[in-house]
PDB file of N, CA and C in Angstrom:
ATOM      1  N   MET A   1      -6.767 -53.524  27.570  1.00  0.00           N
ATOM      2  CA  MET A   1      -7.409 -53.768  28.223  1.00  0.00           C
ATOM      3  C   MET A   1      -9.446 -53.640  28.740  1.00  0.00           C
ATOM      4  N   LEU A   2      -9.810 -54.136  29.401  1.00  0.00           N
ATOM      5  CA  LEU A   2     -11.422 -54.614  30.174  1.00  0.00           C
ATOM      6  C   LEU A   2     -11.574 -53.747  30.457  1.00  0.00           C
ATOM      7  N   LEU A   3     -12.798 -52.653  30.310  1.00  0.00           N
ATOM      8  CA  LEU A   3     -12.931 -51.561  30.885  1.00  0.00           C
ATOM      9  C   LEU A   3     -13.566 -51.820  32.177  1.00  0.00           C
ATOM     10  N   GLN A   4     -13.754 -52.985  33.259  1.00  0.00           N
ATOM     11  CA  GLN A   4     -13.214 -53.218  33.843  1.00  0.00           C
ATOM     12  C   GLN A   4     -12.279 -52.422  34.698  1.00  0.00           C
ATOM     13  N   ARG A   5     -10.710 -53.065  34.492  1.00  0.00           N
ATOM     14  CA  ARG A   5      -9.941 -52.761  34.963  1.00  0.00           C
ATOM     15  C   ARG A   5      -9.984 -51.264  35.172  1.00  0.00           C
ATOM     16  N   ILE A   6     -10.069 -50.145  33.526  1.00  0.00           N
ATOM     17  CA  ILE A   6     -10.228 -49.051  33.673  1.00  0.00           C
ATOM     18  C   ILE A   6     -11.227 -48.515  34.919  1.00  0.00           C
ATOM     19  N   ILE A   7     -12.295 -49.438  34.621  1.00  0.00           N
ATOM     20  CA  ILE A   7     -12.844 -48.713  36.189  1.00  0.00           C
ATOM     21  C   ILE A   7     -12.257 -49.077  37.810  1.00  0.00           C
ATOM     22  N   VAL A   8     -11.754 -49.746  38.161  1.00  0.00           N
ATOM     23  CA  VAL A   8     -11.607 -50.078  38.952  1.00  0.00           C
ATOM     24  C   VAL A   8      -9.624 -49.039  38.803  1.00  0.00           C
ATOM     25  N   ASP A   9      -9.326 -48.102  38.276  1.00  0.00           N
ATOM     26  CA  ASP A   9      -7.535 -48.132  38.544  1.00  0.00           C
ATOM     27  C   ASP A   9      -8.379 -46.301  37.713  1.00  0.00           C
ATOM     28  N   GLN A  10      -9.593 -45.624  38.111  1.00  0.00           N
ATOM     29  CA  GLN A  10     -10.396 -44.763  37.773  1.00  0.00           C
ATOM     30  C   GLN A  10     -11.274 -44.615  39.810  1.00  0.00           C
ATOM     31  N   LEU A  11     -11.376 -45.905  40.072  1.00  0.00           N
ATOM     32  CA  LEU A  11     -12.020 -46.190  41.563  1.00  0.00           C
ATOM     33  C   LEU A  11     -10.868 -45.595  42.392  1.00  0.00           C
ATOM     34  N   GLU A  12      -9.593 -46.218  42.167  1.00  0.00           N
ATOM     35  CA  GLU A  12      -8.718 -46.881  42.907  1.00  0.00           C
ATOM     36  C   GLU A  12      -8.075 -44.816  42.473  1.00  0.00           C
ATOM     37  N   LYS A  13      -8.135 -43.868  41.768  1.00  0.00           N
ATOM     38  CA  LYS A  13      -7.082 -43.227  41.815  1.00  0.00           C
ATOM     39  C   LYS A  13      -8.123 -41.975  42.470  1.00  0.00           C
ATOM     40  N   ILE A  14      -9.647 -42.123  42.276  1.00  0.00           N
ATOM     41  CA  ILE A  14     -10.270 -41.034  43.663  1.00  0.00           C
ATOM     42  C   ILE A  14      -9.893 -41.237  44.730  1.00  0.00           C
ATOM     43  N   SER A  15      -9.613 -43.312  45.086  1.00  0.00           N
ATOM     44  CA  SER A  15     -10.366 -43.494  46.822  1.00  0.00           C
ATOM     45  C   SER A  15      -8.479 -42.499  47.225  1.00  0.00           C
ATOM     46  N   GLY A  16      -7.405 -42.871  45.703  1.00  0.00           N
ATOM     47  CA  GLY A  16      -6.314 -43.415  47.200  1.00  0.00           C
ATOM     48  C   GLY A  16      -6.108 -44.683  47.695  1.00  0.00           C
ATOM     49  N   GLN A  17      -6.318 -45.646  47.171  1.00  0.00           N
ATOM     50  CA  GLN A  17      -6.605 -46.336  47.858  1.00  0.00           C
ATOM     51  C   GLN A  17      -6.778 -48.141  47.067  1.00  0.00           C
ATOM     52  N   SER A  18      -5.924 -49.219  47.195  1.00  0.00           N
ATOM     53  CA  SER A  18      -6.159 -50.402  46.103  1.00  0.00           C
ATOM     54  C   SER A  18      -7.696 -50.398  46.481  1.00  0.00           C
ATOM     55  N   PHE A  19      -7.845 -51.380  44.789  1.00  0.00           N
ATOM     56  CA  PHE A  19      -9.337 -51.068  45.110  1.00  0.00           C
ATOM     57  C   PHE A  19      -9.758 -52.716  46.049  1.00  0.00           C
ATOM     58  N   LEU A  20      -9.913 -53.564  46.002  1.00  0.00           N
ATOM     59  CA  LEU A  20      -9.537 -54.351  47.617  1.00  0.00           C
ATOM     60  C   LEU A  20      -9.618 -53.942  48.756  1.00  0.00           C
ATOM     61  N   HIS A  21      -8.087 -52.798  49.266  1.00  0.00           N
ATOM     62  CA  HIS A  21      -7.581 -52.364  49.729  1.00  0.00           C
ATOM     63  C   HIS A  21      -9.718 -51.212  50.747  1.00  0.00           C
ATOM     64  N   LYS A  22      -9.995 -50.572  49.763  1.00  0.00           N
ATOM     65  CA  LYS A  22     -10.973 -49.897  50.394  1.00  0.00           C
ATOM     66  C   LYS A  22     -11.673 -51.074  50.229  1.00  0.00           C
ATOM     67  N   LEU A  23     -12.460 -52.313  49.433  1.00  0.00           N
ATOM     68  CA  LEU A  23     -13.553 -52.949  50.025  1.00  0.00           C
ATOM     69  C   LEU A  23     -13.152 -53.359  51.051  1.00  0.00           C
ATOM     70  N   ALA A  24     -11.832 -53.962  51.313  1.00  0.00           N
ATOM     71  CA  ALA A  24     -11.644 -54.824  52.905  1.00  0.00           C
ATOM     72  C   ALA A  24     -12.504 -53.692  53.806  1.00  0.00           C
ATOM     73  N   THR A  25     -12.032 -52.139  54.170  1.00  0.00           N
ATOM     74  CA  THR A  25     -11.920 -51.370  54.682  1.00  0.00           C
ATOM     75  C   THR A  25     -13.383 -50.799  55.208  1.00  0.00           C
ATOM     76  N   ASP A  26     -13.960 -50.113  54.032  1.00  0.00           N
ATOM     77  CA  ASP A  26     -14.830 -49.682  53.922  1.00  0.00           C
ATOM     78  C   ASP A  26     -16.462 -50.393  53.823  1.00  0.00           C
ATOM     79  N   LYS A  27     -17.276 -50.874  54.708  1.00  0.00           N
ATOM     80  CA  LYS A  27     -18.306 -51.536  54.948  1.00  0.00           C
ATOM     81  C   LYS A  27     -18.881 -50.398  53.947  1.00  0.00           C
ATOM     82  N   GLU A  28     -19.506 -49.526  54.137  1.00  0.00           N
ATOM     83  CA  GLU A  28     -20.708 -49.108  53.270  1.00  0.00           C
ATOM     84  C   GLU A  28     -20.331 -48.689  51.201  1.00  0.00           C
ATOM     85  N   TYR A  29     -19.498 -48.884  51.065  1.00  0.00           N
ATOM     86  CA  TYR A  29     -18.103 -49.028  50.555  1.00  0.00           C
ATOM     87  C   TYR A  29     -18.932 -49.622  49.655  1.00  0.00           C
ATOM     88  N   PHE A  30     -17.745 -51.124  49.874  1.00  0.00           N
ATOM     89  CA  PHE A  30     -18.560 -52.791  49.337  1.00  0.00           C
ATOM     90  C   PHE A  30     -19.802 -52.932  49.965  1.00  0.00           C
ATOM     91  N   LYS A  31     -21.138 -52.205  49.956  1.00  0.00           N
ATOM     92  CA  LYS A  31     -22.465 -52.545  50.316  1.00  0.00           C
ATOM     93  C   LYS A  31     -22.696 -51.241  48.798  1.00  0.00           C
ATOM     94  N   GLU A  32     -21.903 -50.578  49.252  1.00  0.00           N
ATOM     95  CA  GLU A  32     -22.318 -49.154  47.834  1.00  0.00           C
ATOM     96  C   GLU A  32     -21.886 -50.281  45.884  1.00  0.00           C
ATOM     97  N   VAL A  33     -20.742 -51.058  46.385  1.00  0.00           N
ATOM     98  CA  VAL A  33     -20.608 -51.387  44.936  1.00  0.00           C
ATOM     99  C   VAL A  33     -21.375 -52.665  44.514  1.00  0.00           C
ATOM    100  N   SER A  34     -21.594 -53.842  45.854  1.00  0.00           N
ATOM    101  CA  SER A  34     -22.459 -54.673  44.892  1.00  0.00           C
ATOM    102  C   SER A  34     -24.102 -55.075  45.087  1.00  0.00           C
ATOM    103  N   ARG A  35     -23.802 -53.319  45.174  1.00  0.00           N
ATOM    104  CA  ARG A  35     -25.372 -52.740  44.446  1.00  0.00           C
ATOM    105  C   ARG A  35     -25.849 -52.969  43.360  1.00  0.00           C
ATOM    106  N   TYR A  36     -24.848 -51.547  43.030  1.00  0.00           N
ATOM    107  CA  TYR A  36     -24.415 -51.140  41.979  1.00  0.00           C
ATOM    108  C   TYR A  36     -24.778 -52.137  40.917  1.00  0.00           C
ATOM    109  N   LEU A  37     -23.322 -53.012  41.243  1.00  0.00           N
ATOM    110  CA  LEU A  37     -23.445 -54.648  40.241  1.00  0.00           C
ATOM    111  C   LEU A  37     -24.005 -55.505  39.840  1.00  0.00           C
ATOM    112  N   GLU A  38     -24.932 -55.796  40.672  1.00  0.00           N
ATOM    113  CA  GLU A  38     -26.348 -56.657  41.304  1.00  0.00           C
ATOM    114  C   GLU A  38     -26.770 -55.867  40.148  1.00  0.00           C
ATOM    115  N   GLU A  39     -27.115 -54.323  40.575  1.00  0.00           N
ATOM    116  CA  GLU A  39     -28.214 -53.528  39.952  1.00  0.00           C
ATOM    117  C   GLU A  39     -28.650 -53.215  38.232  1.00  0.00           C
ATOM    118  N   ASN A  40     -27.250 -53.030  38.500  1.00  0.00           N
ATOM    119  CA  ASN A  40     -26.495 -51.637  37.162  1.00  0.00           C
ATOM    120  C   ASN A  40     -26.008 -53.172  35.724  1.00  0.00           C
ATOM    121  N   HIS A  41     -25.041 -54.602  36.292  1.00  0.00           N
ATOM    122  CA  HIS A  41     -24.878 -55.766  35.559  1.00  0.00           C
ATOM    123  C   HIS A  41     -24.995 -56.568  35.859  1.00  0.00           C
ATOM    124  N   LYS A  42     -25.944 -56.881  36.543  1.00  0.00           N
ATOM    125  CA  LYS A  42     -26.476 -58.372  36.993  1.00  0.00           C
ATOM    126  C   LYS A  42     -25.467 -59.061  37.159  1.00  0.00           C
ATOM    127  N   MET A  43     -23.950 -58.497  37.676  1.00  0.00           N
ATOM    128  CA  MET A  43     -22.506 -59.637  38.577  1.00  0.00           C
ATOM    129  C   MET A  43     -22.932 -59.086  40.538  1.00  0.00           C
ATOM    130  N   SER A  44     -22.700 -60.115  39.647  1.00  0.00           N
ATOM    131  CA  SER A  44     -21.852 -60.406  41.784  1.00  0.00           C
ATOM    132  C   SER A  44     -20.528 -59.247  42.292  1.00  0.00           C
ATOM    133  N   LEU A  45     -19.905 -59.429  43.366  1.00  0.00           N
ATOM    134  CA  LEU A  45     -19.091 -58.139  42.798  1.00  0.00           C
ATOM    135  C   LEU A  45     -17.793 -58.950  43.270  1.00  0.00           C
ATOM    136  N   GLU A  46     -18.172 -60.549  43.580  1.00  0.00           N
ATOM    137  CA  GLU A  46     -16.958 -61.986  42.947  1.00  0.00           C
ATOM    138  C   GLU A  46     -16.659 -62.103  41.359  1.00  0.00           C
ATOM    139  N   GLU A  47     -17.568 -61.747  40.929  1.00  0.00           N
ATOM    140  CA  GLU A  47     -17.788 -62.656  39.620  1.00  0.00           C
ATOM    141  C   GLU A  47     -16.416 -61.243  38.836  1.00  0.00           C
ATOM    142  N   PHE A  48     -16.710 -59.957  39.689  1.00  0.00           N
ATOM    143  CA  PHE A  48     -16.549 -58.887  39.249  1.00  0.00           C
ATOM    144  C   PHE A  48     -14.834 -58.739  39.444  1.00  0.00           C
ATOM    145  N   ILE A  49     -15.218 -58.838  40.522  1.00  0.00           N
ATOM    146  CA  ILE A  49     -13.206 -58.595  41.636  1.00  0.00           C
ATOM    147  C   ILE A  49     -12.406 -59.380  40.118  1.00  0.00           C
ATOM    148  N   ILE A  50     -12.678 -61.810  40.075  1.00  0.00           N
ATOM    149  CA  ILE A  50     -12.455 -62.285  38.935  1.00  0.00           C
ATOM    150  C   ILE A  50     -11.821 -61.953  37.718  1.00  0.00           C
ATOM    151  N   SER A  51     -12.984 -60.899  36.972  1.00  0.00           N
ATOM    152  CA  SER A  51     -13.208 -60.875  35.963  1.00  0.00           C
ATOM    153  C   SER A  51     -11.995 -59.313  36.206  1.00  0.00           C
ATOM    154  N   VAL A  52     -11.553 -58.835  37.360  1.00  0.00           N
ATOM    155  CA  VAL A  52     -11.451 -57.405  36.687  1.00  0.00           C
ATOM    156  C   VAL A  52      -9.261 -58.521  36.991  1.00  0.00           C
ATOM    157  N   TYR A  53      -9.575 -59.511  37.711  1.00  0.00           N
ATOM    158  CA  TYR A  53      -7.599 -59.640  38.409  1.00  0.00           C
ATOM    159  C   TYR A  53      -7.157 -60.239  37.013  1.00  0.00           C
ATOM    160  N   ARG A  54      -8.018 -61.725  36.735  1.00  0.00           N
ATOM    161  CA  ARG A  54      -7.431 -62.632  36.491  1.00  0.00           C
ATOM    162  C   ARG A  54      -7.227 -62.885  34.489  1.00  0.00           C
ATOM    163  N   SER A  55      -7.973 -61.044  34.675  1.00  0.00           N
ATOM    164  CA  SER A  55      -7.386 -60.442  32.882  1.00  0.00           C
ATOM    165  C   SER A  55      -6.017 -59.449  32.909  1.00  0.00           C
ATOM    166  N   SER A  56      -5.656 -59.472  34.131  1.00  0.00           N
ATOM    167  CA  SER A  56      -3.957 -58.081  34.532  1.00  0.00           C
ATOM    168  C   SER A  56      -3.468 -59.321  34.796  1.00  0.00           C
TER     169      SER A  56
END
């Protein structure tokens, strides 16, 4: 299992919502996740989502 999928699973556990639903309904969460990925992993949110869901 990819590290990205593990991260998404943990985020879903914490929020009680699917990762994509949380991104779609919470503007601040969307901004925070996007900023974190860009600053720490040099990856766009789109690239992250594709890498997670393409592998599952």
